[in-house]
Amino acid sequence: DNALGYPQSGLPQASWIAEMPVEGGATRLLAFYDAGEPARVGPVRSARDYLVEVAGRADAVLVHVGGSPGAMIALSQGVAPSLDAFTSGELFERAADRSAPYDLYSAGRSLRDAIRTLRIDANRLLTGFRPVDPGATAQVADGVDIDWSGAYDSGFRYLPAQDRYRWIRNGQDAVSADGAAVQVEAVLIARVDARPIPGDTAGRLYVPVSGGEAWLLWRGTVQRGNWSVDGGLRFSDEQGRQVVLEALATWAAFVPTSADVTLR
C-alpha cells in the first residue's frame, strides 16, 4: 500500500519496485525480491488485473490479499502464480499499530519457503547490454517530479556522493518503516495510458502494460527510449539497444500520460 500504509516495510531490500496508479488518485507498489528477502514486508493489499499482468510478465509470484474481479479472473487463468492471504493466511499477520486494511504483513523467508512448495521450475536467459557510464555528453538530470494526482505527488533527487536516487513522497524525503532512507540506483519513468473502466462503480482503472515511451535516470543523467516487462524490467534506448536493468536497484514509475512529469 502507498496511501495510509506508508511508511512501508521491505522496500530497501527490493531488487526493483513498480509504482502503478490505482483508483482514487493513489498508487500501489509492487516490490520484487530475487536477491534476498525482507524480514518484514507490507502492508499487503489487493491485486488489480494489470498488477497481475506485470507480475506474470516478470516471471514473479504475486503476493496479495484478494483483488478486483479482473485480477481474480486473471489469477484463476494462470496469468501469474500467487500467494493469497485468503487461502494462505498462515503466511500473514496483522500489525497491532495499524488499522485495517493497512495492517497486513508477511515475512520474506516464510514467503520464499512457500514459493518453493509451488514447485516452480523456471529458468530464463538475460540478454541485452549491461549499463555503461553515460559519459560527459549525456543529458544531465538531477531528479524528477511526478504529479500523479491532486492527492499525491512523488519524485526522486539524485545524490552524487552515493550515486543513488532518494524517493520523495508528497514533498518529503521518504523512509521505510524502520526509518531507513528509500534509495535506488536508477529511476525508470514508464508512460502508460491509464483510464477508468467504464461502468466500474469503484472507479478502477484499465492500464495496458505492453510497453511504451520511457525515460531512464541513472548516474545523474537521463536517456530516452522505451520500456517493457518481458521476463523482467526492460529499457531500450533510442538506438534500439536493450539495457539490462537486473544489475541495478530500480524504481519503475508507471505514470499515466495525463500526469505531469518534470525533469530537474
C-alpha atoms as a PDB file:
ATOM      1  CA  ASP A   1       0.000   0.000   0.000  1.00  0.00           C
ATOM      2  CA  ASN A   2       1.185   3.525  -0.767  1.00  0.00           C
ATOM      3  CA  ALA A   3      -1.575   5.510   0.895  1.00  0.00           C
ATOM      4  CA  LEU A   4      -2.264   5.092   4.615  1.00  0.00           C
ATOM      5  CA  GLY A   5       0.152   2.149   4.640  1.00  0.00           C
ATOM      6  CA  TYR A   6       3.164   4.484   4.453  1.00  0.00           C
ATOM      7  CA  PRO A   7       5.874   4.054   5.708  1.00  0.00           C
ATOM      8  CA  GLN A   8       6.178   0.559   4.249  1.00  0.00           C
ATOM      9  CA  SER A   9       8.351  -2.345   5.366  1.00  0.00           C
ATOM     10  CA  GLY A  10      10.759  -4.102   2.996  1.00  0.00           C
ATOM     11  CA  LEU A  11      11.311  -1.517   0.252  1.00  0.00           C
ATOM     12  CA  PRO A  12      15.095  -1.077   0.790  1.00  0.00           C
ATOM     13  CA  GLN A  13      15.613  -4.814   0.193  1.00  0.00           C
ATOM     14  CA  ALA A  14      13.716  -4.906  -3.121  1.00  0.00           C
ATOM     15  CA  SER A  15      15.552  -5.678  -6.366  1.00  0.00           C
ATOM     16  CA  TRP A  16      13.165  -3.337  -8.153  1.00  0.00           C
ATOM     17  CA  ILE A  17       9.903  -1.586  -7.398  1.00  0.00           C
ATOM     18  CA  ALA A  18       6.978  -0.899  -9.725  1.00  0.00           C
ATOM     19  CA  GLU A  19       4.757   2.015  -8.738  1.00  0.00           C
ATOM     20  CA  MET A  20       1.407   1.848 -10.507  1.00  0.00           C
ATOM     21  CA  PRO A  21      -1.727   4.014 -10.426  1.00  0.00           C
ATOM     22  CA  VAL A  22      -4.922   2.773  -8.818  1.00  0.00           C
ATOM     23  CA  GLU A  23      -8.317   4.295  -8.236  1.00  0.00           C
ATOM     24  CA  GLY A  24      -8.679   7.481  -6.189  1.00  0.00           C
ATOM     25  CA  GLY A  25      -5.518   9.150  -7.489  1.00  0.00           C
ATOM     26  CA  ALA A  26      -3.288   6.895  -5.384  1.00  0.00           C
ATOM     27  CA  THR A  27      -0.620   4.370  -6.342  1.00  0.00           C
ATOM     28  CA  ARG A  28       0.392   0.903  -5.180  1.00  0.00           C
ATOM     29  CA  LEU A  29       3.844  -0.636  -5.105  1.00  0.00           C
ATOM     30  CA  LEU A  30       4.974  -3.997  -6.424  1.00  0.00           C
ATOM     31  CA  ALA A  31       8.265  -4.827  -4.721  1.00  0.00           C
ATOM     32  CA  PHE A  32      10.267  -7.594  -6.431  1.00  0.00           C
ATOM     33  CA  TYR A  33      12.724  -9.757  -4.495  1.00  0.00           C
ATOM     34  CA  ASP A  34      15.167 -12.042  -6.272  1.00  0.00           C
ATOM     35  CA  ALA A  35      18.450 -11.410  -4.448  1.00  0.00           C
ATOM     36  CA  GLY A  36      17.241 -11.632  -0.851  1.00  0.00           C
ATOM     37  CA  GLU A  37      14.232 -11.410   1.397  1.00  0.00           C
ATOM     38  CA  PRO A  38      12.985  -8.656   3.692  1.00  0.00           C
ATOM     39  CA  ALA A  39      12.467  -9.601   7.325  1.00  0.00           C
ATOM     40  CA  ARG A  40       9.039  -7.929   7.115  1.00  0.00           C
ATOM     41  CA  VAL A  41       7.120  -6.762   4.060  1.00  0.00           C
ATOM     42  CA  GLY A  42       3.868  -4.832   3.713  1.00  0.00           C
ATOM     43  CA  PRO A  43       1.228  -3.645   4.123  1.00  0.00           C
ATOM     44  CA  VAL A  44      -0.034  -6.222   1.630  1.00  0.00           C
ATOM     45  CA  ARG A  45      -3.113  -5.138  -0.328  1.00  0.00           C
ATOM     46  CA  SER A  46      -5.444  -6.457  -3.003  1.00  0.00           C
ATOM     47  CA  ALA A  47      -4.440  -7.004  -6.622  1.00  0.00           C
ATOM     48  CA  ARG A  48      -5.592  -5.343  -9.828  1.00  0.00           C
ATOM     49  CA  ASP A  49      -5.593  -7.083 -13.188  1.00  0.00           C
ATOM     50  CA  TYR A  50      -2.673  -5.030 -14.545  1.00  0.00           C
ATOM     51  CA  LEU A  51      -0.653  -5.744 -11.382  1.00  0.00           C
ATOM     52  CA  VAL A  52      -1.216  -9.440 -12.066  1.00  0.00           C
ATOM     53  CA  GLU A  53      -0.065  -8.944 -15.652  1.00  0.00           C
ATOM     54  CA  VAL A  54       3.142  -7.175 -14.590  1.00  0.00           C
ATOM     55  CA  ALA A  55       3.893  -9.982 -12.120  1.00  0.00           C
ATOM     56  CA  GLY A  56       3.280 -12.566 -14.843  1.00  0.00           C
ATOM     57  CA  ARG A  57       5.443 -10.743 -17.384  1.00  0.00           C
ATOM     58  CA  ALA A  58       8.226 -10.527 -14.792  1.00  0.00           C
ATOM     59  CA  ASP A  59       8.076 -14.281 -14.054  1.00  0.00           C
ATOM     60  CA  ALA A  60       7.156 -13.457 -10.456  1.00  0.00           C
ATOM     61  CA  VAL A  61       4.879 -14.958  -7.818  1.00  0.00           C
ATOM     62  CA  LEU A  62       2.329 -12.347  -6.746  1.00  0.00           C
ATOM     63  CA  VAL A  63       1.707 -11.973  -3.006  1.00  0.00           C
ATOM     64  CA  HIS A  64      -1.639 -10.293  -2.300  1.00  0.00           C
ATOM     65  CA  VAL A  65      -4.889 -10.342  -0.373  1.00  0.00           C
ATOM     66  CA  GLY A  66      -7.777 -10.881  -2.772  1.00  0.00           C
ATOM     67  CA  GLY A  67      -8.253  -8.498  -5.648  1.00  0.00           C
ATOM     68  CA  SER A  68     -10.552  -6.866  -8.162  1.00  0.00           C
ATOM     69  CA  PRO A  69     -12.836  -9.118 -10.234  1.00  0.00           C
ATOM     70  CA  GLY A  70     -10.496  -8.803 -13.216  1.00  0.00           C
ATOM     71  CA  ALA A  71      -7.453  -9.641 -11.110  1.00  0.00           C
ATOM     72  CA  MET A  72      -9.028 -12.751  -9.638  1.00  0.00           C
ATOM     73  CA  ILE A  73     -10.092 -13.938 -13.091  1.00  0.00           C
ATOM     74  CA  ALA A  74      -6.542 -13.395 -14.397  1.00  0.00           C
ATOM     75  CA  LEU A  75      -5.081 -15.356 -11.483  1.00  0.00           C
ATOM     76  CA  SER A  76      -7.564 -18.192 -11.993  1.00  0.00           C
ATOM     77  CA  GLN A  77      -6.447 -18.335 -15.636  1.00  0.00           C
ATOM     78  CA  GLY A  78      -2.811 -18.736 -14.614  1.00  0.00           C
ATOM     79  CA  VAL A  79      -1.501 -15.337 -15.694  1.00  0.00           C
ATOM     80  CA  ALA A  80       0.776 -15.449 -12.638  1.00  0.00           C
ATOM     81  CA  PRO A  81       1.220 -17.848  -9.720  1.00  0.00           C
ATOM     82  CA  SER A  82       0.220 -16.274  -6.424  1.00  0.00           C
ATOM     83  CA  LEU A  83       0.050 -16.493  -2.651  1.00  0.00           C
ATOM     84  CA  ASP A  84      -3.262 -15.059  -1.457  1.00  0.00           C
ATOM     85  CA  ALA A  85      -3.845 -14.190   2.191  1.00  0.00           C
ATOM     86  CA  PHE A  86      -7.386 -15.524   1.832  1.00  0.00           C
ATOM     87  CA  THR A  87      -6.058 -19.023   1.119  1.00  0.00           C
ATOM     88  CA  SER A  88      -2.589 -18.888   2.732  1.00  0.00           C
ATOM     89  CA  GLY A  89      -3.432 -16.993   5.889  1.00  0.00           C
ATOM     90  CA  GLU A  90      -0.680 -18.685   7.890  1.00  0.00           C
ATOM     91  CA  LEU A  91       1.886 -16.606   5.960  1.00  0.00           C
ATOM     92  CA  PHE A  92       0.439 -13.290   7.133  1.00  0.00           C
ATOM     93  CA  GLU A  93      -0.116 -11.391  10.372  1.00  0.00           C
ATOM     94  CA  ARG A  94      -1.929  -8.262  11.475  1.00  0.00           C
ATOM     95  CA  ALA A  95       0.068  -5.373  12.946  1.00  0.00           C
ATOM     96  CA  ALA A  96      -1.349  -4.063  16.209  1.00  0.00           C
ATOM     97  CA  ASP A  97      -0.205  -0.495  15.454  1.00  0.00           C
ATOM     98  CA  ARG A  98      -2.028  -0.255  12.100  1.00  0.00           C
ATOM     99  CA  SER A  99      -5.718  -0.205  11.249  1.00  0.00           C
ATOM    100  CA  ALA A 100      -7.293  -2.440   8.610  1.00  0.00           C
ATOM    101  CA  PRO A 101      -6.834  -2.764   5.679  1.00  0.00           C
ATOM    102  CA  TYR A 102      -3.355  -1.268   6.137  1.00  0.00           C
ATOM    103  CA  ASP A 103      -2.186  -3.757   8.758  1.00  0.00           C
ATOM    104  CA  LEU A 104      -1.418  -6.996   6.887  1.00  0.00           C
ATOM    105  CA  TYR A 105       2.231  -8.100   6.710  1.00  0.00           C
ATOM    106  CA  SER A 106       4.325 -11.104   5.843  1.00  0.00           C
ATOM    107  CA  ALA A 107       7.962 -12.173   6.117  1.00  0.00           C
ATOM    108  CA  GLY A 108      10.353 -12.755   3.246  1.00  0.00           C
ATOM    109  CA  ARG A 109      11.678 -16.082   4.490  1.00  0.00           C
ATOM    110  CA  SER A 110       8.184 -17.506   5.004  1.00  0.00           C
ATOM    111  CA  LEU A 111       7.147 -16.394   1.534  1.00  0.00           C
ATOM    112  CA  ARG A 112      10.263 -17.878  -0.066  1.00  0.00           C
ATOM    113  CA  ASP A 113       9.642 -21.212   1.675  1.00  0.00           C
ATOM    114  CA  ALA A 114       6.025 -21.162   0.478  1.00  0.00           C
ATOM    115  CA  ILE A 115       7.116 -20.404  -3.091  1.00  0.00           C
ATOM    116  CA  ARG A 116       9.388 -23.439  -3.062  1.00  0.00           C
ATOM    117  CA  THR A 117       6.379 -25.628  -2.285  1.00  0.00           C
ATOM    118  CA  LEU A 118       4.756 -24.389  -5.517  1.00  0.00           C
ATOM    119  CA  ARG A 119       7.483 -26.310  -7.383  1.00  0.00           C
ATOM    120  CA  ILE A 120       8.003 -23.631  -9.993  1.00  0.00           C
ATOM    121  CA  ASP A 121      10.933 -24.773 -12.109  1.00  0.00           C
ATOM    122  CA  ALA A 122      11.752 -21.854 -14.383  1.00  0.00           C
ATOM    123  CA  ASN A 123      14.956 -20.618 -15.944  1.00  0.00           C
ATOM    124  CA  ARG A 124      15.443 -17.595 -18.181  1.00  0.00           C
ATOM    125  CA  LEU A 125      18.309 -16.146 -20.185  1.00  0.00           C
ATOM    126  CA  LEU A 126      19.078 -12.471 -19.683  1.00  0.00           C
ATOM    127  CA  THR A 127      20.101 -10.689 -22.867  1.00  0.00           C
ATOM    128  CA  GLY A 128      20.973  -7.096 -23.630  1.00  0.00           C
ATOM    129  CA  PHE A 129      23.623  -4.510 -22.834  1.00  0.00           C
ATOM    130  CA  ARG A 130      24.956  -4.021 -19.368  1.00  0.00           C
ATOM    131  CA  PRO A 131      24.605  -0.383 -18.248  1.00  0.00           C
ATOM    132  CA  VAL A 132      27.661   1.637 -19.222  1.00  0.00           C
ATOM    133  CA  ASP A 133      28.788   5.027 -17.977  1.00  0.00           C
ATOM    134  CA  PRO A 134      26.557   7.628 -19.684  1.00  0.00           C
ATOM    135  CA  GLY A 135      29.578   9.828 -20.440  1.00  0.00           C
ATOM    136  CA  ALA A 136      30.090  13.585 -20.374  1.00  0.00           C
ATOM    137  CA  THR A 137      27.776  14.228 -23.340  1.00  0.00           C
ATOM    138  CA  ALA A 138      24.697  12.677 -21.681  1.00  0.00           C
ATOM    139  CA  GLN A 139      21.811  14.964 -20.740  1.00  0.00           C
ATOM    140  CA  VAL A 140      22.061  15.932 -17.076  1.00  0.00           C
ATOM    141  CA  ALA A 141      19.039  15.436 -14.815  1.00  0.00           C
ATOM    142  CA  ASP A 142      19.345  15.895 -11.052  1.00  0.00           C
ATOM    143  CA  GLY A 143      15.935  14.357 -10.415  1.00  0.00           C
ATOM    144  CA  VAL A 144      12.317  14.112 -11.440  1.00  0.00           C
ATOM    145  CA  ASP A 145       8.931  15.281 -10.108  1.00  0.00           C
ATOM    146  CA  ILE A 146       5.725  13.324 -10.796  1.00  0.00           C
ATOM    147  CA  ASP A 147       2.294  14.901 -10.241  1.00  0.00           C
ATOM    148  CA  TRP A 148       0.204  11.723 -10.018  1.00  0.00           C
ATOM    149  CA  SER A 149      -2.996  13.481  -8.882  1.00  0.00           C
ATOM    150  CA  GLY A 150      -4.290  16.255  -6.664  1.00  0.00           C
ATOM    151  CA  ALA A 151      -3.957  13.849  -3.737  1.00  0.00           C
ATOM    152  CA  TYR A 152      -0.429  12.547  -4.321  1.00  0.00           C
ATOM    153  CA  ASP A 153       2.885  13.548  -5.850  1.00  0.00           C
ATOM    154  CA  SER A 154       6.315  11.984  -5.747  1.00  0.00           C
ATOM    155  CA  GLY A 155       9.787  12.342  -7.142  1.00  0.00           C
ATOM    156  CA  PHE A 156      13.443  11.448  -6.887  1.00  0.00           C
ATOM    157  CA  ARG A 157      16.521  13.505  -6.069  1.00  0.00           C
ATOM    158  CA  TYR A 158      19.963  12.436  -7.249  1.00  0.00           C
ATOM    159  CA  LEU A 159      22.607  12.143  -4.525  1.00  0.00           C
ATOM    160  CA  PRO A 160      26.003  12.359  -6.280  1.00  0.00           C
ATOM    161  CA  ALA A 161      28.001  11.264  -3.226  1.00  0.00           C
ATOM    162  CA  GLN A 162      26.047   7.998  -3.003  1.00  0.00           C
ATOM    163  CA  ASP A 163      25.329   7.742  -6.749  1.00  0.00           C
ATOM    164  CA  ARG A 164      21.734   6.948  -5.842  1.00  0.00           C
ATOM    165  CA  TYR A 165      18.258   8.497  -6.051  1.00  0.00           C
ATOM    166  CA  ARG A 166      16.262   9.372  -2.929  1.00  0.00           C
ATOM    167  CA  TRP A 167      12.499   8.793  -3.058  1.00  0.00           C
ATOM    168  CA  ILE A 168      10.496  11.962  -2.345  1.00  0.00           C
ATOM    169  CA  ARG A 169       6.892  11.433  -1.261  1.00  0.00           C
ATOM    170  CA  ASN A 170       4.460  14.365  -1.072  1.00  0.00           C
ATOM    171  CA  GLY A 171       7.369  16.763  -0.801  1.00  0.00           C
ATOM    172  CA  GLN A 172       9.188  14.908   1.995  1.00  0.00           C
ATOM    173  CA  ASP A 173      12.169  12.558   1.977  1.00  0.00           C
ATOM    174  CA  ALA A 174      10.595   9.091   2.117  1.00  0.00           C
ATOM    175  CA  VAL A 175      11.686   6.433   4.576  1.00  0.00           C
ATOM    176  CA  SER A 176      10.850   2.804   5.277  1.00  0.00           C
ATOM    177  CA  ALA A 177       9.105   1.679   8.458  1.00  0.00           C
ATOM    178  CA  ASP A 178      12.445   1.347  10.268  1.00  0.00           C
ATOM    179  CA  GLY A 179      13.425   4.911   9.377  1.00  0.00           C
ATOM    180  CA  ALA A 180      15.904   3.971   6.626  1.00  0.00           C
ATOM    181  CA  ALA A 181      16.063   6.165   3.537  1.00  0.00           C
ATOM    182  CA  VAL A 182      14.436   4.655   0.460  1.00  0.00           C
ATOM    183  CA  GLN A 183      17.030   4.930  -2.298  1.00  0.00           C
ATOM    184  CA  VAL A 184      17.571   3.270  -5.679  1.00  0.00           C
ATOM    185  CA  GLU A 185      20.297   3.252  -8.306  1.00  0.00           C
ATOM    186  CA  ALA A 186      18.067   4.083 -11.270  1.00  0.00           C
ATOM    187  CA  VAL A 187      14.607   5.501 -11.940  1.00  0.00           C
ATOM    188  CA  LEU A 188      12.505   4.476 -14.940  1.00  0.00           C
ATOM    189  CA  ILE A 189       9.590   6.701 -15.918  1.00  0.00           C
ATOM    190  CA  ALA A 190       7.328   4.387 -17.933  1.00  0.00           C
ATOM    191  CA  ARG A 191       4.406   6.121 -19.601  1.00  0.00           C
ATOM    192  CA  VAL A 192       1.056   4.252 -19.608  1.00  0.00           C
ATOM    193  CA  ASP A 193      -2.408   5.017 -20.944  1.00  0.00           C
ATOM    194  CA  ALA A 194      -4.394   4.640 -17.707  1.00  0.00           C
ATOM    195  CA  ARG A 195      -8.118   5.316 -17.848  1.00  0.00           C
ATOM    196  CA  PRO A 196     -11.211   4.451 -15.780  1.00  0.00           C
ATOM    197  CA  ILE A 197     -13.025   1.222 -16.599  1.00  0.00           C
ATOM    198  CA  PRO A 198     -16.461   2.172 -17.989  1.00  0.00           C
ATOM    199  CA  GLY A 199     -19.239   1.323 -15.554  1.00  0.00           C
ATOM    200  CA  ASP A 200     -16.913   0.302 -12.713  1.00  0.00           C
ATOM    201  CA  THR A 201     -18.579   1.701  -9.596  1.00  0.00           C
ATOM    202  CA  ALA A 202     -15.292   1.562  -7.646  1.00  0.00           C
ATOM    203  CA  GLY A 203     -13.529   3.751 -10.221  1.00  0.00           C
ATOM    204  CA  ARG A 204     -10.895   1.128 -11.016  1.00  0.00           C
ATOM    205  CA  LEU A 205      -8.512   1.666 -13.924  1.00  0.00           C
ATOM    206  CA  TYR A 206      -7.582  -0.057 -17.133  1.00  0.00           C
ATOM    207  CA  VAL A 207      -3.796   0.112 -17.559  1.00  0.00           C
ATOM    208  CA  PRO A 208      -2.164  -1.647 -20.546  1.00  0.00           C
ATOM    209  CA  VAL A 209       1.351  -2.821 -19.720  1.00  0.00           C
ATOM    210  CA  SER A 210       2.588  -3.839 -23.172  1.00  0.00           C
ATOM    211  CA  GLY A 211       5.294  -1.150 -23.330  1.00  0.00           C
ATOM    212  CA  GLY A 212       5.706   2.465 -24.342  1.00  0.00           C
ATOM    213  CA  GLU A 213       7.739   5.653 -24.044  1.00  0.00           C
ATOM    214  CA  ALA A 214      10.211   5.867 -21.168  1.00  0.00           C
ATOM    215  CA  TRP A 215      12.947   7.924 -19.545  1.00  0.00           C
ATOM    216  CA  LEU A 216      15.787   6.257 -17.655  1.00  0.00           C
ATOM    217  CA  LEU A 217      17.511   8.291 -14.954  1.00  0.00           C
ATOM    218  CA  TRP A 218      20.924   6.910 -13.998  1.00  0.00           C
ATOM    219  CA  ARG A 219      24.093   8.471 -12.589  1.00  0.00           C
ATOM    220  CA  GLY A 220      22.636  11.965 -12.764  1.00  0.00           C
ATOM    221  CA  THR A 221      21.691  11.725 -16.433  1.00  0.00           C
ATOM    222  CA  VAL A 222      18.574  10.879 -18.432  1.00  0.00           C
ATOM    223  CA  GLN A 223      18.150   8.702 -21.518  1.00  0.00           C
ATOM    224  CA  ARG A 224      15.022   8.480 -23.650  1.00  0.00           C
ATOM    225  CA  GLY A 225      13.690   5.247 -25.066  1.00  0.00           C
ATOM    226  CA  ASN A 226      11.021   2.629 -24.474  1.00  0.00           C
ATOM    227  CA  TRP A 227      10.046   0.310 -21.623  1.00  0.00           C
ATOM    228  CA  SER A 228       8.743  -3.236 -21.459  1.00  0.00           C
ATOM    229  CA  VAL A 229       8.298  -6.003 -18.906  1.00  0.00           C
ATOM    230  CA  ASP A 230       9.471  -9.215 -20.528  1.00  0.00           C
ATOM    231  CA  GLY A 231      10.966 -11.703 -18.104  1.00  0.00           C
ATOM    232  CA  GLY A 232      11.888  -8.636 -16.048  1.00  0.00           C
ATOM    233  CA  LEU A 233      12.071  -4.884 -16.372  1.00  0.00           C
ATOM    234  CA  ARG A 234      13.484  -3.712 -19.722  1.00  0.00           C
ATOM    235  CA  PHE A 235      14.562  -0.400 -21.243  1.00  0.00           C
ATOM    236  CA  SER A 236      15.582   0.149 -24.877  1.00  0.00           C
ATOM    237  CA  ASP A 237      17.428   3.337 -25.770  1.00  0.00           C
ATOM    238  CA  GLU A 238      16.732   5.492 -28.836  1.00  0.00           C
ATOM    239  CA  GLN A 239      19.081   3.311 -30.904  1.00  0.00           C
ATOM    240  CA  GLY A 240      17.004   0.256 -30.003  1.00  0.00           C
ATOM    241  CA  ARG A 241      19.655  -1.254 -27.749  1.00  0.00           C
ATOM    242  CA  GLN A 242      18.148  -3.072 -24.772  1.00  0.00           C
ATOM    243  CA  VAL A 243      19.658  -2.185 -21.421  1.00  0.00           C
ATOM    244  CA  VAL A 244      19.586  -4.945 -18.826  1.00  0.00           C
ATOM    245  CA  LEU A 245      18.348  -3.413 -15.573  1.00  0.00           C
ATOM    246  CA  GLU A 246      18.746  -6.520 -13.397  1.00  0.00           C
ATOM    247  CA  ALA A 247      22.098  -5.212 -12.181  1.00  0.00           C
ATOM    248  CA  LEU A 248      20.512  -2.018 -10.818  1.00  0.00           C
ATOM    249  CA  ALA A 249      18.105  -1.424  -7.963  1.00  0.00           C
ATOM    250  CA  THR A 250      15.442   0.383  -9.983  1.00  0.00           C
ATOM    251  CA  TRP A 251      12.213   2.237  -9.246  1.00  0.00           C
ATOM    252  CA  ALA A 252       9.834   1.974 -12.204  1.00  0.00           C
ATOM    253  CA  ALA A 253       7.088   4.595 -12.060  1.00  0.00           C
ATOM    254  CA  PHE A 254       4.270   3.638 -14.456  1.00  0.00           C
ATOM    255  CA  VAL A 255       2.937   7.152 -14.938  1.00  0.00           C
ATOM    256  CA  PRO A 256      -0.320   7.908 -16.788  1.00  0.00           C
ATOM    257  CA  THR A 257       0.124  10.059 -19.870  1.00  0.00           C
ATOM    258  CA  SER A 258      -2.287  12.548 -18.274  1.00  0.00           C
ATOM    259  CA  ALA A 259       0.087  13.163 -15.328  1.00  0.00           C
ATOM    260  CA  ASP A 260       2.780  15.830 -15.437  1.00  0.00           C
ATOM    261  CA  VAL A 261       6.401  14.698 -15.251  1.00  0.00           C
ATOM    262  CA  THR A 262       9.151  17.310 -14.784  1.00  0.00           C
ATOM    263  CA  LEU A 263      12.878  16.599 -15.054  1.00  0.00           C
ATOM    264  CA  ARG A 264      15.121  18.664 -12.833  1.00  0.00           C
END
